[in-house]
Amino acid sequence: MRLIFEHVTKKFAQTKAIDDVTFDVEASCVAVVGGNAAGKSTLLKLIATVLKPDEGRVILNGIDIVKHAHLIRKELSYLPEEPALMDTLTARDNLALFSKIKKADYSEELLRSLRFEPNGKKLVKNLSKGSRRKLSLCIALLGEPKILVLDEPTSGLDEEAKQAFWSHLSTLKEKNVAMIIATHDMEEMKKLADFVIVLDRGRLVKIESLNSAASYIQL
């Protein structure tokens, strides 16, 4: 996966959530870190085509994501920090609903891979936060996306649930699923990420390589 930001700025009113960010990285997993209001979620939404930049270009695997958003959406799946689930439906009914929306099939293997089968018949409103996150990841994996964009995927999970989640992401990486992840859980990300992008108040502070096989081009 190659991700390029060329002087990208995104404003909300007079505030620059992303401020003239430029980088060029090629890696299978990129972590995005920073404190509150650093711009992590905005950066991920730009990549996921949820938002458009006010200035600059974002290029993913050679595709300009503004000019050709429909092409990116075929390859990419986005998991926001607070995903929209249907609380009054069961977990399986949620999967069936989103599979129709995404025009993608799902199999019981997807539930088994995340050890989610016992929760399949439960109403979403009765699930723990960890189970809701697993369900959200199942939905994100519908259609076998080549790229996952994940915003704080382990936020609020207990240690056991976190370990299970990171373990599954590691398995996905081995299957050549590329990932861009915003997280505070840096100890686990160090095992998974090839690069760490550090943001502060919308500006790029630094990019740190964690894998000699990945590449970073200074623009």
Protein backbone atom coordinates (compact mmCIF):
# COMPACT_ATOMS: atom_id res chain seq x y z
CA MET A 1 0.00 0.00 0.00
CA ARG A 2 1.33 3.40 -0.96
CA LEU A 3 -0.21 6.47 0.66
CA ILE A 4 0.64 10.02 -0.40
CA PHE A 5 -0.51 13.29 1.13
CA GLU A 6 0.44 16.39 -0.85
CA HIS A 7 0.05 19.60 1.18
CA VAL A 8 -3.34 18.48 2.53
CA THR A 9 -5.41 20.88 4.61
CA LYS A 10 -8.87 20.30 6.09
CA LYS A 11 -10.70 23.09 7.93
CA PHE A 12 -13.75 23.14 10.18
CA ALA A 13 -14.83 26.80 10.41
CA GLN A 14 -11.53 28.58 11.12
CA THR A 15 -9.82 25.57 12.70
CA LYS A 16 -7.36 23.53 10.65
CA ALA A 17 -7.93 19.92 11.69
CA ILE A 18 -5.27 18.91 9.14
CA ASP A 19 -2.72 21.63 8.38
CA ASP A 20 -0.54 21.35 5.25
CA VAL A 21 0.34 17.67 5.80
CA THR A 22 2.74 16.08 3.30
CA PHE A 23 4.20 12.57 3.30
CA ASP A 24 4.74 9.54 1.07
CA VAL A 25 4.84 6.09 2.69
CA GLU A 26 4.75 2.56 1.34
CA ALA A 27 3.85 -0.07 3.92
CA SER A 28 1.35 -2.78 4.79
CA CYS A 29 0.37 -1.21 8.12
CA VAL A 30 0.54 2.45 9.16
CA ALA A 31 -0.26 3.72 12.67
CA VAL A 32 -1.51 7.27 13.22
CA VAL A 33 -0.92 8.63 16.73
CA GLY A 34 -1.28 11.89 18.63
CA GLY A 35 -3.12 13.47 21.54
CA ASN A 36 -6.67 14.77 21.62
CA ALA A 37 -7.51 17.09 18.71
CA ALA A 38 -4.33 16.00 16.93
CA GLY A 39 -6.26 15.34 13.70
CA LYS A 40 -6.11 11.54 13.68
CA SER A 41 -9.79 10.92 12.98
CA THR A 42 -9.91 13.64 10.33
CA LEU A 43 -6.90 12.16 8.56
CA LEU A 44 -8.55 8.73 8.52
CA LYS A 45 -11.83 10.19 7.22
CA LEU A 46 -9.93 11.84 4.38
CA ILE A 47 -8.36 8.52 3.42
CA ALA A 48 -11.73 6.75 3.69
CA THR A 49 -13.37 9.39 1.41
CA VAL A 50 -15.78 10.42 4.20
CA LEU A 51 -14.32 13.93 3.95
CA LYS A 52 -12.71 15.86 1.11
CA PRO A 53 -9.59 17.98 1.60
CA ASP A 54 -9.94 21.74 1.25
CA GLU A 55 -6.47 21.91 -0.20
CA GLY A 56 -3.97 19.38 -1.55
CA ARG A 57 -4.28 15.81 -2.78
CA VAL A 58 -4.52 12.35 -1.22
CA ILE A 59 -3.32 9.49 -3.41
CA LEU A 60 -3.80 5.86 -2.39
CA ASN A 61 -2.16 3.16 -4.49
CA GLY A 62 -1.88 5.58 -7.39
CA ILE A 63 -5.53 6.72 -7.22
CA ASP A 64 -6.55 10.30 -6.45
CA ILE A 65 -9.20 9.66 -3.80
CA VAL A 66 -11.19 12.82 -4.56
CA LYS A 67 -11.34 12.39 -8.32
CA HIS A 68 -11.90 8.63 -8.15
CA ALA A 69 -13.54 8.01 -4.75
CA HIS A 70 -15.72 5.24 -6.21
CA LEU A 71 -12.61 3.20 -7.07
CA ILE A 72 -11.16 3.57 -3.57
CA ARG A 73 -14.44 2.55 -1.94
CA LYS A 74 -14.33 -0.77 -3.79
CA GLU A 75 -10.98 -1.57 -2.16
CA LEU A 76 -11.36 -0.01 1.27
CA SER A 77 -13.45 -0.46 4.42
CA TYR A 78 -13.67 2.12 7.22
CA LEU A 79 -14.34 1.42 10.90
CA PRO A 80 -15.04 4.66 12.83
CA GLU A 81 -14.43 4.93 16.57
CA GLU A 82 -18.20 4.86 17.20
CA PRO A 83 -19.69 2.72 14.41
CA ALA A 84 -23.41 2.88 13.67
CA LEU A 85 -25.01 -0.43 14.65
CA MET A 86 -28.70 -1.31 14.81
CA ASP A 87 -29.25 -1.89 18.54
CA THR A 88 -32.68 -3.49 18.16
CA LEU A 89 -31.42 -6.16 15.74
CA THR A 90 -29.34 -9.24 16.51
CA ALA A 91 -25.68 -9.37 15.60
CA ARG A 92 -26.41 -11.72 12.69
CA ASP A 93 -29.24 -9.45 11.47
CA ASN A 94 -26.82 -6.52 11.52
CA LEU A 95 -24.39 -8.51 9.40
CA ALA A 96 -27.18 -9.45 6.98
CA LEU A 97 -28.30 -5.81 6.73
CA PHE A 98 -24.82 -4.44 6.10
CA SER A 99 -24.02 -7.22 3.65
CA LYS A 100 -27.00 -6.06 1.58
CA ILE A 101 -25.89 -2.44 1.82
CA LYS A 102 -22.36 -3.39 0.75
CA LYS A 103 -23.64 -5.92 -1.80
CA ALA A 104 -21.34 -8.50 -0.24
CA ASP A 105 -21.86 -12.02 1.06
CA TYR A 106 -20.84 -13.14 4.51
CA SER A 107 -20.27 -16.61 5.89
CA GLU A 108 -20.25 -18.14 9.35
CA GLU A 109 -16.46 -18.40 8.95
CA LEU A 110 -16.28 -14.64 9.47
CA LEU A 111 -17.97 -15.02 12.86
CA ARG A 112 -15.82 -18.01 13.76
CA SER A 113 -12.61 -16.18 12.88
CA LEU A 114 -13.37 -13.59 15.57
CA ARG A 115 -14.87 -16.13 18.01
CA PHE A 116 -18.15 -14.29 17.71
CA GLU A 117 -20.52 -17.20 17.03
CA PRO A 118 -21.98 -17.40 20.59
CA ASN A 119 -23.12 -13.77 20.29
CA GLY A 120 -24.74 -14.07 16.89
CA LYS A 121 -28.31 -14.33 18.21
CA LYS A 122 -27.98 -11.60 20.84
CA LEU A 123 -29.49 -8.16 20.36
CA VAL A 124 -26.75 -5.61 19.77
CA LYS A 125 -27.96 -3.48 22.69
CA ASN A 126 -27.16 -6.41 25.00
CA LEU A 127 -23.60 -6.90 23.76
CA SER A 128 -20.51 -5.82 25.68
CA LYS A 129 -18.34 -3.09 24.19
CA GLY A 130 -15.76 -5.69 23.18
CA SER A 131 -18.40 -7.74 21.37
CA ARG A 132 -19.73 -4.60 19.64
CA ARG A 133 -16.21 -3.85 18.40
CA LYS A 134 -15.86 -7.41 17.11
CA LEU A 135 -19.19 -7.11 15.32
CA SER A 136 -18.07 -3.80 13.81
CA LEU A 137 -14.88 -5.44 12.56
CA CYS A 138 -16.94 -8.28 11.06
CA ILE A 139 -18.98 -5.66 9.20
CA ALA A 140 -15.81 -3.86 8.08
CA LEU A 141 -14.48 -7.16 6.69
CA LEU A 142 -17.56 -7.83 4.54
CA GLY A 143 -16.57 -8.07 0.91
CA GLU A 144 -12.94 -8.89 1.80
CA PRO A 145 -11.52 -5.35 1.53
CA LYS A 146 -7.88 -4.95 0.57
CA ILE A 147 -7.44 -1.93 2.87
CA LEU A 148 -8.82 -1.37 6.38
CA VAL A 149 -9.01 2.10 7.94
CA LEU A 150 -9.58 1.72 11.69
CA ASP A 151 -10.16 4.53 14.18
CA GLU A 152 -9.25 3.54 17.77
CA PRO A 153 -10.37 -0.07 17.24
CA THR A 154 -9.52 -1.18 20.80
CA SER A 155 -10.80 1.90 22.65
CA GLY A 156 -12.62 0.90 25.84
CA LEU A 157 -11.84 -2.81 25.56
CA ASP A 158 -10.50 -4.89 28.44
CA GLU A 159 -7.03 -6.42 28.11
CA GLU A 160 -8.26 -9.85 26.98
CA ALA A 161 -10.47 -8.33 24.27
CA LYS A 162 -7.61 -6.07 23.14
CA GLN A 163 -5.24 -9.00 22.75
CA ALA A 164 -7.81 -10.96 20.74
CA PHE A 165 -8.45 -7.95 18.50
CA TRP A 166 -4.75 -7.27 17.81
CA SER A 167 -4.18 -10.96 17.18
CA HIS A 168 -6.87 -10.96 14.51
CA LEU A 169 -5.44 -7.83 12.89
CA SER A 170 -2.04 -9.54 12.78
CA THR A 171 -3.65 -12.49 10.98
CA LEU A 172 -5.25 -10.12 8.47
CA LYS A 173 -1.89 -8.49 7.82
CA GLU A 174 -0.41 -11.91 7.09
CA LYS A 175 -3.21 -12.32 4.52
CA ASN A 176 -2.04 -9.10 2.79
CA VAL A 177 -4.83 -6.86 4.10
CA ALA A 178 -3.30 -3.37 4.37
CA MET A 179 -4.23 -1.24 7.38
CA ILE A 180 -4.20 2.37 8.52
CA ILE A 181 -4.94 2.55 12.25
CA ALA A 182 -5.39 5.47 14.64
CA THR A 183 -4.63 4.30 18.16
CA HIS A 184 -3.28 5.11 21.62
CA ASP A 185 -2.20 1.49 22.12
CA MET A 186 1.38 1.95 20.93
CA GLU A 187 2.87 -1.13 22.57
CA GLU A 188 0.68 -3.40 20.46
CA MET A 189 1.03 -1.22 17.36
CA LYS A 190 4.81 -1.58 17.50
CA LYS A 191 4.29 -5.30 16.79
CA LEU A 192 2.02 -4.62 13.84
CA ALA A 193 2.85 -1.28 12.18
CA ASP A 194 5.58 -0.56 9.65
CA PHE A 195 5.30 3.20 10.14
CA VAL A 196 4.03 5.55 12.81
CA ILE A 197 2.70 8.94 11.70
CA VAL A 198 2.69 11.43 14.59
CA LEU A 199 0.28 14.38 14.46
CA ASP A 200 -0.08 17.38 16.76
CA ARG A 201 -2.88 19.94 16.30
CA GLY A 202 -3.27 18.96 12.68
CA ARG A 203 0.38 19.13 11.71
CA LEU A 204 2.75 16.31 10.88
CA VAL A 205 5.35 16.06 13.67
CA LYS A 206 7.31 13.06 12.45
CA ILE A 207 7.17 9.70 10.71
CA GLU A 208 8.99 6.84 12.40
CA SER A 209 9.85 3.62 10.59
CA LEU A 210 9.34 0.41 12.57
CA ASN A 211 10.13 -1.96 9.71
CA SER A 212 13.18 -1.82 7.47
CA ALA A 213 11.14 -3.39 4.64
CA ALA A 214 8.85 -0.36 4.46
CA SER A 215 9.80 2.86 2.71
CA TYR A 216 9.33 6.56 3.36
CA ILE A 217 10.02 9.25 0.78
CA GLN A 218 10.72 12.73 2.16
CA LEU A 219 8.83 15.23 0.00
